[in-house]
Protein backbone atom coordinates (compact mmCIF):
# COMPACT_ATOMS: atom_id res chain seq x y z
CA MET A 1 -25.05 137.46 147.58
CA TYR A 2 -25.39 141.20 147.19
CA ARG A 3 -23.33 142.85 144.47
CA VAL A 4 -22.23 146.33 145.50
CA ALA A 5 -20.63 148.96 143.26
CA VAL A 6 -18.65 151.82 144.79
CA CYS A 7 -18.12 154.63 142.28
CA ASP A 8 -15.85 157.48 143.36
CA ASP A 9 -13.12 159.26 141.41
CA GLU A 10 -11.09 159.71 144.63
CA GLY A 11 -9.15 156.45 144.95
CA GLU A 12 -8.69 156.56 148.72
CA GLN A 13 -12.38 157.30 149.29
CA ALA A 14 -13.41 154.41 146.99
CA GLU A 15 -11.06 152.00 148.80
CA ALA A 16 -12.32 153.11 152.22
CA LEU A 17 -15.96 152.63 151.17
CA GLN A 18 -15.18 149.23 149.63
CA ALA A 19 -13.47 148.14 152.87
CA ALA A 20 -16.41 149.43 154.93
CA VAL A 21 -18.87 147.45 152.79
CA ALA A 22 -16.73 144.32 153.32
CA ALA A 23 -16.72 144.98 157.08
CA TRP A 24 -20.52 145.38 157.05
CA SER A 25 -20.82 142.10 155.14
CA ARG A 26 -18.71 140.26 157.74
CA ALA A 27 -20.43 141.91 160.71
CA ARG A 28 -23.93 141.10 159.45
CA GLY A 29 -23.10 137.67 157.98
CA ILE A 30 -24.51 138.80 154.64
CA PRO A 31 -22.56 137.57 151.61
CA CYS A 32 -21.46 140.55 149.58
CA ASN A 33 -19.11 141.33 146.70
CA ALA A 34 -18.02 144.98 146.49
CA GLN A 35 -16.26 146.43 143.45
CA ALA A 36 -14.79 149.91 143.14
CA PHE A 37 -15.00 152.02 139.97
CA PRO A 38 -13.06 155.25 139.33
CA SER A 39 -15.70 156.86 137.07
CA GLY A 40 -19.33 156.77 136.06
CA GLU A 41 -18.31 155.53 132.62
CA SER A 42 -16.44 152.51 134.02
CA LEU A 43 -19.42 151.55 136.20
CA TRP A 44 -21.84 151.99 133.29
CA PHE A 45 -19.68 149.66 131.19
CA ALA A 46 -19.59 147.03 133.97
CA TRP A 47 -23.26 147.38 134.88
CA GLN A 48 -24.47 145.09 132.05
CA GLY A 49 -28.17 145.48 132.53
CA GLY A 50 -28.50 144.97 136.25
CA ALA A 51 -25.33 143.42 137.58
CA PHE A 52 -25.43 145.33 140.91
CA ASP A 53 -27.86 145.39 143.83
CA ILE A 54 -26.48 148.39 145.76
CA LEU A 55 -24.75 151.44 144.29
CA LEU A 56 -22.65 153.88 146.32
CA LEU A 57 -22.24 156.84 143.96
CA ASP A 58 -20.14 159.94 144.48
CA VAL A 59 -22.31 162.86 143.40
CA GLU A 60 -19.46 164.97 142.02
CA MET A 61 -17.21 163.10 139.60
CA GLY A 62 -15.43 164.05 136.40
CA LYS A 63 -17.27 163.55 133.12
CA THR A 64 -20.42 161.80 134.44
CA SER A 65 -21.80 162.79 137.84
CA GLY A 66 -23.34 160.26 140.19
CA ILE A 67 -26.75 161.88 139.59
CA GLU A 68 -26.43 161.55 135.80
CA LEU A 69 -25.25 157.95 136.14
CA ALA A 70 -28.19 157.11 138.43
CA LYS A 71 -30.66 158.62 135.94
CA SER A 72 -29.15 156.56 133.10
CA LEU A 73 -29.24 153.36 135.16
CA ARG A 74 -32.87 153.93 136.18
CA ALA A 75 -33.83 154.66 132.56
CA ALA A 76 -32.20 151.36 131.58
CA GLY A 77 -34.28 149.50 134.19
CA SER A 78 -31.95 149.24 137.21
CA ARG A 79 -33.74 148.59 140.50
CA ALA A 80 -30.55 148.83 142.56
CA GLU A 81 -30.61 150.65 145.89
CA ILE A 82 -28.75 153.94 145.37
CA LEU A 83 -26.73 155.65 148.10
CA PHE A 84 -25.25 159.01 147.14
CA ILE A 85 -21.95 160.11 148.69
CA THR A 86 -21.44 163.87 148.73
CA SER A 87 -19.58 166.74 150.36
CA HIS A 88 -22.76 168.86 150.53
CA PHE A 89 -26.50 168.41 150.15
CA GLU A 90 -27.28 170.87 147.35
CA PHE A 91 -28.10 167.99 144.96
CA ALA A 92 -30.42 166.17 147.40
CA GLY A 93 -33.57 167.15 145.50
CA GLU A 94 -32.35 165.35 142.38
CA GLY A 95 -32.04 162.14 144.36
CA TYR A 96 -35.82 161.92 144.59
CA GLU A 97 -35.98 161.62 140.80
CA VAL A 98 -34.06 158.34 140.94
CA ASP A 99 -35.58 157.00 144.17
CA ALA A 100 -32.27 157.25 146.04
CA LEU A 101 -32.28 155.50 149.39
CA HIS A 102 -30.00 157.96 151.18
CA TYR A 103 -27.38 160.72 150.98
CA LEU A 104 -24.22 160.23 153.04
CA LEU A 105 -21.92 163.15 153.84
CA LYS A 106 -18.16 162.85 153.35
CA PRO A 107 -16.29 161.73 155.31
CA VAL A 108 -18.69 158.79 155.62
CA SER A 109 -18.94 157.36 159.12
CA ARG A 110 -18.85 153.58 159.24
CA GLU A 111 -21.72 153.49 161.73
CA LYS A 112 -24.00 155.54 159.44
CA LEU A 113 -22.98 153.51 156.37
CA PHE A 114 -23.83 150.28 158.22
CA GLN A 115 -27.28 151.67 159.12
CA VAL A 116 -28.00 152.61 155.52
CA LEU A 117 -26.68 149.29 154.17
CA ASP A 118 -28.99 147.53 156.66
CA LYS A 119 -31.89 149.50 155.23
CA ALA A 120 -30.82 148.67 151.65
CA ALA A 121 -30.61 144.96 152.49
CA ALA A 122 -34.07 145.09 154.07
CA ARG A 123 -35.51 146.71 150.95
CA LEU A 124 -33.74 144.22 148.69
CA SER A 125 -35.15 141.31 150.68
CA GLN A 126 -38.61 142.55 149.67
CA GLU A 127 -37.60 142.61 146.00
CA PRO A 128 -39.64 140.43 143.62
CA PRO A 129 -38.16 137.05 142.65
CA SER A 130 -35.54 137.30 139.91
CA LEU A 131 -33.00 135.38 137.88
CA VAL A 132 -29.89 136.35 135.97
CA ILE A 133 -29.47 135.53 132.28
CA THR A 134 -26.79 136.22 129.69
CA SER A 135 -28.14 137.95 126.60
CA GLY A 136 -25.95 139.46 123.88
CA GLY A 137 -22.84 138.88 126.00
CA GLU A 138 -24.29 140.88 128.92
CA ARG A 139 -25.57 139.65 132.27
CA VAL A 140 -29.14 140.82 132.83
CA LYS A 141 -31.27 140.50 135.95
CA LEU A 142 -34.90 139.74 135.14
CA TYR A 143 -37.68 140.13 137.69
CA ALA A 144 -40.36 137.43 137.43
CA PRO A 145 -43.29 139.91 137.48
CA ASP A 146 -41.74 141.72 134.47
CA ILE A 147 -41.67 138.57 132.31
CA LEU A 148 -44.71 138.37 130.04
CA TYR A 149 -43.92 135.15 128.16
CA VAL A 150 -41.09 133.10 126.66
CA GLU A 151 -40.83 131.59 123.17
CA SER A 152 -38.52 128.93 121.81
CA PHE A 153 -36.80 129.23 118.41
CA ARG A 154 -34.45 126.36 117.52
CA HIS A 155 -31.71 126.47 120.17
CA ASP A 156 -32.60 129.90 121.55
CA ILE A 157 -35.39 131.36 123.60
CA VAL A 158 -36.79 134.89 123.45
CA ILE A 159 -37.94 136.31 126.77
CA HIS A 160 -40.60 139.00 126.36
CA THR A 161 -40.67 141.49 129.26
CA ARG A 162 -42.48 144.72 130.03
CA THR A 163 -39.46 146.67 128.77
CA GLY A 164 -38.38 144.62 125.74
CA GLU A 165 -37.01 141.28 124.61
CA CYS A 166 -33.92 139.23 125.50
CA GLN A 167 -32.57 136.41 123.36
CA VAL A 168 -30.81 133.62 125.25
CA LYS A 169 -29.01 130.44 124.20
CA GLU A 170 -30.83 128.04 126.53
CA SER A 171 -33.51 125.41 126.10
CA ILE A 172 -37.01 126.39 127.09
CA SER A 173 -37.12 123.36 129.41
CA ALA A 174 -34.00 124.44 131.31
CA PHE A 175 -35.13 128.06 131.49
CA GLY A 176 -38.62 127.00 132.55
CA ASP A 177 -37.16 124.95 135.40
CA ARG A 178 -35.05 127.92 136.56
CA LEU A 179 -37.99 130.31 136.27
CA ARG A 180 -40.42 128.05 138.15
CA ALA A 181 -37.79 127.62 140.89
CA VAL A 182 -38.01 131.36 141.67
CA SER A 183 -41.68 131.87 140.81
CA PRO A 184 -44.27 129.09 140.55
CA MET A 185 -46.67 131.36 138.61
CA PHE A 186 -45.31 130.23 135.20
CA TYR A 187 -46.60 127.30 133.11
CA ARG A 188 -45.41 125.87 129.85
CA ALA A 189 -47.80 125.69 126.89
CA HIS A 190 -46.22 123.90 123.89
CA ARG A 191 -43.11 125.86 122.73
CA SER A 192 -43.82 129.01 124.71
């Protein structure tokens, strides 16, 4: 199931985009959960280290613009497909810095949105295998190629990745089974 975040400070626009994503999900038979957020700050708070696969971001919002939010999410390791929603294209160059998939002009046509969501789904289907963990009260999506090794300490495990460490309350056996289910490249050697 794809998790989609719609972030727009105009309530009607956010609701229309959320409804269009739901219509795309039904039309394509692709399970999808779309959530709307009224500000960049509210989405950042809900993001929790990778909780969304597709982001529809209004470029011009109050305190935090869609561009600034996208830069922060990328810096924190988000691999989500980013679609910018804008009234004009003057910020298009900045989208390249965050590997944005597309810019959509307001008012967004449903047909064009469907085409871009199709492209996002195609790119996501080529994404490396991943699993979701809960670390420090936050849900985090880990990509198998980013995991270097895992260690066990009493009732916790520490997952060492290219970007840092995550501590999880799970047995190494249970985590190992989940990890091998998505990527058979991992083997267990003693307690790590």
